[in-house]
Amino acid sequence: MCFSAEASFSGAAVLSVIGVATIKKVQHPSQLIFASIPLLFACQQISEGFLWLSLSNPVYSQLQQFTTYTFLFFAQVIWPLWIPFGTIMLDKKENRTKIQKAIVVTGCLLSLTLAYLLLMYNAEAKIMEHHIKYFQSYPAWLRPYGAALYVIATIFSLFISKIKGVRLLGITILLSYIIAAVFFEHYKLSVWCFFAAIISISIFNIIKGINKHKNKIATPVSLDLQFTQH
């Protein structure tokens, strides 16, 4: 995470436990992508934990490039596609809207574009003011467009879901993005991922609530009929 290696590894441990518990709650393959978000965040935070070590301890310096690109791969390539696709999969096929499908396509194209930029341009990370700042050399004019599409894919996709709790998740992630952008402008990527990782714990309750509702509907109601003979 954005504060220290210890914070990253501690957060990853908590997310791993919650992630495994969430996966165990899955009752249909369509839920698996969304339910695996906490575990993926755990992997991302592990990578940033080792990045902290590589930047602060010469013993781990050989890991710096690998962990930098691993963190950025999760942050910029995985999430723009994974979140909208996982969200739309929670809805029944007949309930999926054209807007949701368009956002999934947008997220896919954005992920491919950011993957290309990550491969073609240099990226590095530095510790500055107790945070990790990521430097990428791709054209600056692309960033505003990329940021807008990123928000649409990773946050707006949650707002249009009909699943209970998902919109609230979108609101909290949006607020965390605003806080990161306003108060941690130069470290927004790392700080926002910290907030989003912690918030993703609520996915456990979302999956649990979905299956509780489905099981309630599926449970047959038995009627005991008594006949009295006169």
C-alpha atoms as a PDB file:
ATOM      1  CA  MET A   1       0.000   0.000   0.000  1.00  0.00           C
ATOM      2  CA  CYS A   2       0.947   3.626   0.031  1.00  0.00           C
ATOM      3  CA  PHE A   3       2.430   3.827   3.538  1.00  0.00           C
ATOM      4  CA  SER A   4       4.953   1.017   4.122  1.00  0.00           C
ATOM      5  CA  ALA A   5       5.874  -2.559   3.313  1.00  0.00           C
ATOM      6  CA  GLU A   6       4.352  -3.680   6.619  1.00  0.00           C
ATOM      7  CA  ALA A   7       1.042  -1.993   5.769  1.00  0.00           C
ATOM      8  CA  SER A   8       1.022  -3.619   2.337  1.00  0.00           C
ATOM      9  CA  PHE A   9       1.665  -7.114   3.637  1.00  0.00           C
ATOM     10  CA  SER A  10      -0.792  -6.707   6.536  1.00  0.00           C
ATOM     11  CA  GLY A  11      -3.481  -5.471   4.176  1.00  0.00           C
ATOM     12  CA  ALA A  12      -2.760  -8.325   1.771  1.00  0.00           C
ATOM     13  CA  ALA A  13      -3.137 -10.847   4.603  1.00  0.00           C
ATOM     14  CA  VAL A  14      -6.535  -9.445   5.616  1.00  0.00           C
ATOM     15  CA  LEU A  15      -7.720  -9.289   2.002  1.00  0.00           C
ATOM     16  CA  SER A  16      -6.575 -12.875   1.416  1.00  0.00           C
ATOM     17  CA  VAL A  17      -8.646 -14.159   4.333  1.00  0.00           C
ATOM     18  CA  ILE A  18     -11.701 -12.171   3.227  1.00  0.00           C
ATOM     19  CA  GLY A  19     -11.095 -13.176  -0.388  1.00  0.00           C
ATOM     20  CA  VAL A  20     -11.025 -16.884   0.387  1.00  0.00           C
ATOM     21  CA  ALA A  21     -14.171 -16.522   2.527  1.00  0.00           C
ATOM     22  CA  THR A  22     -15.888 -14.704  -0.350  1.00  0.00           C
ATOM     23  CA  ILE A  23     -14.929 -17.381  -2.891  1.00  0.00           C
ATOM     24  CA  LYS A  24     -16.409 -20.009  -0.578  1.00  0.00           C
ATOM     25  CA  LYS A  25     -19.728 -18.130  -0.676  1.00  0.00           C
ATOM     26  CA  VAL A  26     -19.934 -18.405  -4.479  1.00  0.00           C
ATOM     27  CA  GLN A  27     -22.808 -20.593  -5.635  1.00  0.00           C
ATOM     28  CA  HIS A  28     -22.671 -19.943  -9.374  1.00  0.00           C
ATOM     29  CA  PRO A  29     -19.734 -19.536 -11.810  1.00  0.00           C
ATOM     30  CA  SER A  30     -21.077 -16.128 -12.882  1.00  0.00           C
ATOM     31  CA  GLN A  31     -20.279 -14.800  -9.372  1.00  0.00           C
ATOM     32  CA  LEU A  32     -16.654 -15.929  -9.378  1.00  0.00           C
ATOM     33  CA  ILE A  33     -15.110 -12.973 -11.239  1.00  0.00           C
ATOM     34  CA  PHE A  34     -16.677 -10.386  -8.945  1.00  0.00           C
ATOM     35  CA  ALA A  35     -16.027 -12.488  -5.830  1.00  0.00           C
ATOM     36  CA  SER A  36     -12.319 -12.809  -6.659  1.00  0.00           C
ATOM     37  CA  ILE A  37     -11.709  -9.026  -6.532  1.00  0.00           C
ATOM     38  CA  PRO A  38     -10.470  -9.023  -2.894  1.00  0.00           C
ATOM     39  CA  LEU A  39      -7.970 -11.812  -3.683  1.00  0.00           C
ATOM     40  CA  LEU A  40      -6.658  -9.913  -6.706  1.00  0.00           C
ATOM     41  CA  PHE A  41      -6.279  -6.801  -4.566  1.00  0.00           C
ATOM     42  CA  ALA A  42      -4.319  -8.941  -2.100  1.00  0.00           C
ATOM     43  CA  CYS A  43      -1.929  -9.967  -4.894  1.00  0.00           C
ATOM     44  CA  GLN A  44      -1.563  -6.340  -5.937  1.00  0.00           C
ATOM     45  CA  GLN A  45      -0.734  -5.255  -2.393  1.00  0.00           C
ATOM     46  CA  ILE A  46       1.814  -8.061  -2.023  1.00  0.00           C
ATOM     47  CA  SER A  47       3.552  -6.754  -5.137  1.00  0.00           C
ATOM     48  CA  GLU A  48       3.643  -3.235  -3.703  1.00  0.00           C
ATOM     49  CA  GLY A  49       4.933  -4.599  -0.399  1.00  0.00           C
ATOM     50  CA  PHE A  50       7.906  -6.133  -2.192  1.00  0.00           C
ATOM     51  CA  LEU A  51       8.278  -2.912  -4.172  1.00  0.00           C
ATOM     52  CA  TRP A  52       8.650  -1.036  -0.875  1.00  0.00           C
ATOM     53  CA  LEU A  53      11.390  -3.494   0.118  1.00  0.00           C
ATOM     54  CA  SER A  54      13.157  -3.155  -3.235  1.00  0.00           C
ATOM     55  CA  LEU A  55      13.151   0.646  -2.985  1.00  0.00           C
ATOM     56  CA  SER A  56      14.330   0.795   0.632  1.00  0.00           C
ATOM     57  CA  ASN A  57      16.601  -2.246   0.959  1.00  0.00           C
ATOM     58  CA  PRO A  58      19.466  -2.953  -1.501  1.00  0.00           C
ATOM     59  CA  VAL A  59      19.082  -6.681  -0.831  1.00  0.00           C
ATOM     60  CA  TYR A  60      15.780  -6.647  -2.737  1.00  0.00           C
ATOM     61  CA  SER A  61      16.760  -4.114  -5.413  1.00  0.00           C
ATOM     62  CA  GLN A  62      16.620  -6.730  -8.193  1.00  0.00           C
ATOM     63  CA  LEU A  63      12.851  -6.957  -7.636  1.00  0.00           C
ATOM     64  CA  GLN A  64      12.208  -3.278  -8.299  1.00  0.00           C
ATOM     65  CA  GLN A  65      11.360  -3.394 -12.001  1.00  0.00           C
ATOM     66  CA  PHE A  66       9.297  -6.574 -11.748  1.00  0.00           C
ATOM     67  CA  THR A  67       7.225  -5.367  -8.790  1.00  0.00           C
ATOM     68  CA  THR A  68       6.717  -1.914 -10.332  1.00  0.00           C
ATOM     69  CA  TYR A  69       5.284  -3.384 -13.506  1.00  0.00           C
ATOM     70  CA  THR A  70       3.288  -5.991 -11.590  1.00  0.00           C
ATOM     71  CA  PHE A  71       1.571  -3.313  -9.501  1.00  0.00           C
ATOM     72  CA  LEU A  72       0.861  -1.180 -12.573  1.00  0.00           C
ATOM     73  CA  PHE A  73      -0.440  -4.223 -14.452  1.00  0.00           C
ATOM     74  CA  PHE A  74      -3.026  -4.814 -11.756  1.00  0.00           C
ATOM     75  CA  ALA A  75      -3.892  -1.119 -11.362  1.00  0.00           C
ATOM     76  CA  GLN A  76      -4.089  -0.175 -15.029  1.00  0.00           C
ATOM     77  CA  VAL A  77      -4.730  -3.353 -17.006  1.00  0.00           C
ATOM     78  CA  ILE A  78      -6.675  -5.725 -14.762  1.00  0.00           C
ATOM     79  CA  TRP A  79      -9.195  -3.423 -13.075  1.00  0.00           C
ATOM     80  CA  PRO A  80     -10.671  -1.520 -16.085  1.00  0.00           C
ATOM     81  CA  LEU A  81     -11.873  -4.852 -17.508  1.00  0.00           C
ATOM     82  CA  TRP A  82     -12.272  -7.057 -14.443  1.00  0.00           C
ATOM     83  CA  ILE A  83     -14.577  -4.778 -12.445  1.00  0.00           C
ATOM     84  CA  PRO A  84     -17.196  -3.999 -15.158  1.00  0.00           C
ATOM     85  CA  PHE A  85     -17.136  -7.584 -16.478  1.00  0.00           C
ATOM     86  CA  GLY A  86     -17.461  -9.063 -12.991  1.00  0.00           C
ATOM     87  CA  THR A  87     -20.282  -6.640 -12.218  1.00  0.00           C
ATOM     88  CA  ILE A  88     -22.310  -7.377 -15.340  1.00  0.00           C
ATOM     89  CA  MET A  89     -21.964 -11.118 -14.738  1.00  0.00           C
ATOM     90  CA  LEU A  90     -23.846 -10.746 -11.443  1.00  0.00           C
ATOM     91  CA  ASP A  91     -26.995  -9.725 -13.320  1.00  0.00           C
ATOM     92  CA  LYS A  92     -29.142 -12.204 -15.178  1.00  0.00           C
ATOM     93  CA  LYS A  93     -28.619 -12.214 -18.953  1.00  0.00           C
ATOM     94  CA  GLU A  94     -32.041 -10.762 -19.639  1.00  0.00           C
ATOM     95  CA  ASN A  95     -31.399  -7.889 -17.204  1.00  0.00           C
ATOM     96  CA  ARG A  96     -28.070  -6.749 -18.659  1.00  0.00           C
ATOM     97  CA  THR A  97     -28.378  -3.349 -20.295  1.00  0.00           C
ATOM     98  CA  LYS A  98     -26.701  -1.953 -23.395  1.00  0.00           C
ATOM     99  CA  ILE A  99     -24.912   0.599 -21.192  1.00  0.00           C
ATOM    100  CA  GLN A 100     -23.375  -2.179 -19.108  1.00  0.00           C
ATOM    101  CA  LYS A 101     -22.226  -3.992 -22.241  1.00  0.00           C
ATOM    102  CA  ALA A 102     -20.782  -0.755 -23.660  1.00  0.00           C
ATOM    103  CA  ILE A 103     -18.817  -0.166 -20.452  1.00  0.00           C
ATOM    104  CA  VAL A 104     -17.386  -3.681 -20.606  1.00  0.00           C
ATOM    105  CA  VAL A 105     -16.234  -3.031 -24.179  1.00  0.00           C
ATOM    106  CA  THR A 106     -14.797   0.336 -23.097  1.00  0.00           C
ATOM    107  CA  GLY A 107     -12.965  -1.308 -20.220  1.00  0.00           C
ATOM    108  CA  CYS A 108     -11.557  -3.984 -22.527  1.00  0.00           C
ATOM    109  CA  LEU A 109     -10.260  -1.411 -25.020  1.00  0.00           C
ATOM    110  CA  LEU A 110      -8.806   0.708 -22.208  1.00  0.00           C
ATOM    111  CA  SER A 111      -7.050  -2.319 -20.686  1.00  0.00           C
ATOM    112  CA  LEU A 112      -5.522  -3.227 -24.050  1.00  0.00           C
ATOM    113  CA  THR A 113      -4.394   0.367 -24.612  1.00  0.00           C
ATOM    114  CA  LEU A 114      -2.833   0.677 -21.158  1.00  0.00           C
ATOM    115  CA  ALA A 115      -1.157  -2.711 -21.574  1.00  0.00           C
ATOM    116  CA  TYR A 116       0.395  -1.467 -24.824  1.00  0.00           C
ATOM    117  CA  LEU A 117       1.580   1.759 -23.166  1.00  0.00           C
ATOM    118  CA  LEU A 118       2.995  -0.211 -20.243  1.00  0.00           C
ATOM    119  CA  LEU A 119       5.015  -2.344 -22.651  1.00  0.00           C
ATOM    120  CA  MET A 120       6.171   0.459 -24.938  1.00  0.00           C
ATOM    121  CA  TYR A 121       7.060   3.186 -22.422  1.00  0.00           C
ATOM    122  CA  ASN A 122       9.266   3.212 -19.359  1.00  0.00           C
ATOM    123  CA  ALA A 123       7.837   3.093 -15.859  1.00  0.00           C
ATOM    124  CA  GLU A 124       9.529   3.481 -12.496  1.00  0.00           C
ATOM    125  CA  ALA A 125       8.616   3.995  -8.860  1.00  0.00           C
ATOM    126  CA  LYS A 126      10.160   6.118  -6.112  1.00  0.00           C
ATOM    127  CA  ILE A 127       9.489   6.658  -2.426  1.00  0.00           C
ATOM    128  CA  MET A 128       8.547  10.293  -1.868  1.00  0.00           C
ATOM    129  CA  GLU A 129       7.122  11.759   1.356  1.00  0.00           C
ATOM    130  CA  HIS A 130       6.296   8.326   2.778  1.00  0.00           C
ATOM    131  CA  HIS A 131       4.391   7.292  -0.333  1.00  0.00           C
ATOM    132  CA  ILE A 132       5.251   5.510  -3.560  1.00  0.00           C
ATOM    133  CA  LYS A 133       4.999   7.635  -6.662  1.00  0.00           C
ATOM    134  CA  TYR A 134       4.826   6.015 -10.074  1.00  0.00           C
ATOM    135  CA  PHE A 135       6.417   7.682 -13.094  1.00  0.00           C
ATOM    136  CA  GLN A 136       5.352   6.707 -16.623  1.00  0.00           C
ATOM    137  CA  SER A 137       6.734   8.289 -19.743  1.00  0.00           C
ATOM    138  CA  TYR A 138       3.795   7.834 -22.092  1.00  0.00           C
ATOM    139  CA  PRO A 139       2.327  11.003 -23.721  1.00  0.00           C
ATOM    140  CA  ALA A 140       0.834  13.419 -21.188  1.00  0.00           C
ATOM    141  CA  TRP A 141      -2.086  14.368 -23.467  1.00  0.00           C
ATOM    142  CA  LEU A 142      -3.471  10.839 -23.138  1.00  0.00           C
ATOM    143  CA  ARG A 143      -3.796  10.972 -19.360  1.00  0.00           C
ATOM    144  CA  PRO A 144      -7.019  13.031 -18.988  1.00  0.00           C
ATOM    145  CA  TYR A 145      -8.824  10.766 -21.459  1.00  0.00           C
ATOM    146  CA  GLY A 146      -7.422   7.664 -19.823  1.00  0.00           C
ATOM    147  CA  ALA A 147      -8.438   8.876 -16.361  1.00  0.00           C
ATOM    148  CA  ALA A 148     -12.019   9.612 -17.489  1.00  0.00           C
ATOM    149  CA  LEU A 149     -12.432   6.212 -19.145  1.00  0.00           C
ATOM    150  CA  TYR A 150     -10.845   4.531 -16.108  1.00  0.00           C
ATOM    151  CA  VAL A 151     -13.437   6.060 -13.784  1.00  0.00           C
ATOM    152  CA  ILE A 152     -16.247   5.008 -16.127  1.00  0.00           C
ATOM    153  CA  ALA A 153     -14.990   1.425 -16.258  1.00  0.00           C
ATOM    154  CA  THR A 154     -14.058   0.888 -12.616  1.00  0.00           C
ATOM    155  CA  ILE A 155     -16.608   3.063 -10.801  1.00  0.00           C
ATOM    156  CA  PHE A 156     -19.551   4.038 -13.023  1.00  0.00           C
ATOM    157  CA  SER A 157     -20.086   0.376 -13.945  1.00  0.00           C
ATOM    158  CA  LEU A 158     -20.970  -0.246 -10.283  1.00  0.00           C
ATOM    159  CA  PHE A 159     -23.554   2.559 -10.239  1.00  0.00           C
ATOM    160  CA  ILE A 160     -25.746   1.016 -12.924  1.00  0.00           C
ATOM    161  CA  SER A 161     -25.891  -2.466 -11.424  1.00  0.00           C
ATOM    162  CA  LYS A 162     -29.242  -3.644 -10.084  1.00  0.00           C
ATOM    163  CA  ILE A 163     -27.621  -5.879  -7.463  1.00  0.00           C
ATOM    164  CA  LYS A 164     -28.165  -4.766  -3.872  1.00  0.00           C
ATOM    165  CA  GLY A 165     -25.050  -3.260  -2.318  1.00  0.00           C
ATOM    166  CA  VAL A 166     -23.105  -2.788  -5.560  1.00  0.00           C
ATOM    167  CA  ARG A 167     -24.167   0.851  -6.000  1.00  0.00           C
ATOM    168  CA  LEU A 168     -23.099   1.617  -2.429  1.00  0.00           C
ATOM    169  CA  LEU A 169     -19.759   0.014  -3.238  1.00  0.00           C
ATOM    170  CA  GLY A 170     -19.497   2.322  -6.257  1.00  0.00           C
ATOM    171  CA  ILE A 171     -20.272   5.397  -4.129  1.00  0.00           C
ATOM    172  CA  THR A 172     -17.623   4.552  -1.536  1.00  0.00           C
ATOM    173  CA  ILE A 173     -15.000   3.833  -4.193  1.00  0.00           C
ATOM    174  CA  LEU A 174     -15.856   7.119  -5.937  1.00  0.00           C
ATOM    175  CA  LEU A 175     -15.455   9.017  -2.656  1.00  0.00           C
ATOM    176  CA  SER A 176     -12.118   7.319  -2.064  1.00  0.00           C
ATOM    177  CA  TYR A 177     -11.010   8.303  -5.580  1.00  0.00           C
ATOM    178  CA  ILE A 178     -11.947  11.936  -4.928  1.00  0.00           C
ATOM    179  CA  ILE A 179     -10.101  11.947  -1.589  1.00  0.00           C
ATOM    180  CA  ALA A 180      -7.013  10.433  -3.211  1.00  0.00           C
ATOM    181  CA  ALA A 181      -7.143  12.942  -6.086  1.00  0.00           C
ATOM    182  CA  VAL A 182      -7.589  15.986  -3.812  1.00  0.00           C
ATOM    183  CA  PHE A 183      -5.327  15.180  -0.884  1.00  0.00           C
ATOM    184  CA  PHE A 184      -2.786  12.838  -2.499  1.00  0.00           C
ATOM    185  CA  GLU A 185      -2.595  14.216  -6.028  1.00  0.00           C
ATOM    186  CA  HIS A 186       0.930  12.979  -6.773  1.00  0.00           C
ATOM    187  CA  TYR A 187       0.355   9.563  -5.205  1.00  0.00           C
ATOM    188  CA  LYS A 188      -3.241   9.059  -6.346  1.00  0.00           C
ATOM    189  CA  LEU A 189      -2.677   5.668  -7.967  1.00  0.00           C
ATOM    190  CA  SER A 190      -1.169   4.066  -4.890  1.00  0.00           C
ATOM    191  CA  VAL A 191      -3.437   5.745  -2.334  1.00  0.00           C
ATOM    192  CA  TRP A 192      -6.632   5.033  -4.267  1.00  0.00           C
ATOM    193  CA  CYS A 193      -5.682   1.374  -4.623  1.00  0.00           C
ATOM    194  CA  PHE A 194      -5.254   1.294  -0.837  1.00  0.00           C
ATOM    195  CA  PHE A 195      -8.773   2.634  -0.299  1.00  0.00           C
ATOM    196  CA  ALA A 196     -10.292   0.449  -3.004  1.00  0.00           C
ATOM    197  CA  ALA A 197      -8.607  -2.642  -1.572  1.00  0.00           C
ATOM    198  CA  ILE A 198     -10.058  -2.023   1.879  1.00  0.00           C
ATOM    199  CA  ILE A 199     -13.492  -1.202   0.446  1.00  0.00           C
ATOM    200  CA  SER A 200     -13.464  -4.430  -1.568  1.00  0.00           C
ATOM    201  CA  ILE A 201     -13.993  -6.304   1.692  1.00  0.00           C
ATOM    202  CA  SER A 202     -17.682  -5.377   1.333  1.00  0.00           C
ATOM    203  CA  ILE A 203     -17.841  -7.718  -1.675  1.00  0.00           C
ATOM    204  CA  PHE A 204     -18.163 -10.569   0.821  1.00  0.00           C
ATOM    205  CA  ASN A 205     -21.481  -9.129   2.028  1.00  0.00           C
ATOM    206  CA  ILE A 206     -22.673  -8.527  -1.543  1.00  0.00           C
ATOM    207  CA  ILE A 207     -22.081 -12.144  -2.587  1.00  0.00           C
ATOM    208  CA  LYS A 208     -23.534 -13.411   0.681  1.00  0.00           C
ATOM    209  CA  GLY A 209     -26.636 -11.238   0.198  1.00  0.00           C
ATOM    210  CA  ILE A 210     -27.174 -12.389  -3.400  1.00  0.00           C
ATOM    211  CA  ASN A 211     -27.093 -16.065  -2.488  1.00  0.00           C
ATOM    212  CA  LYS A 212     -29.185 -15.579   0.644  1.00  0.00           C
ATOM    213  CA  HIS A 213     -31.882 -13.949  -1.488  1.00  0.00           C
ATOM    214  CA  LYS A 214     -31.701 -16.682  -4.145  1.00  0.00           C
ATOM    215  CA  ASN A 215     -31.873 -19.444  -1.566  1.00  0.00           C
ATOM    216  CA  LYS A 216     -34.858 -17.798   0.075  1.00  0.00           C
ATOM    217  CA  ILE A 217     -36.699 -17.697  -3.247  1.00  0.00           C
ATOM    218  CA  ALA A 218     -35.720 -21.245  -4.141  1.00  0.00           C
ATOM    219  CA  THR A 219     -36.819 -22.759  -0.826  1.00  0.00           C
ATOM    220  CA  PRO A 220     -40.207 -24.412  -1.335  1.00  0.00           C
ATOM    221  CA  VAL A 221     -42.946 -23.649   1.113  1.00  0.00           C
ATOM    222  CA  SER A 222     -44.541 -26.756   2.531  1.00  0.00           C
ATOM    223  CA  LEU A 223     -48.123 -26.737   3.720  1.00  0.00           C
ATOM    224  CA  ASP A 224     -49.374 -29.240   6.217  1.00  0.00           C
ATOM    225  CA  LEU A 225     -52.937 -30.004   5.360  1.00  0.00           C
ATOM    226  CA  GLN A 226     -55.030 -31.708   7.971  1.00  0.00           C
ATOM    227  CA  PHE A 227     -58.287 -33.306   7.157  1.00  0.00           C
ATOM    228  CA  THR A 228     -60.794 -33.925   9.854  1.00  0.00           C
ATOM    229  CA  GLN A 229     -63.200 -36.764   9.480  1.00  0.00           C
ATOM    230  CA  HIS A 230     -66.642 -36.146  10.779  1.00  0.00           C
END
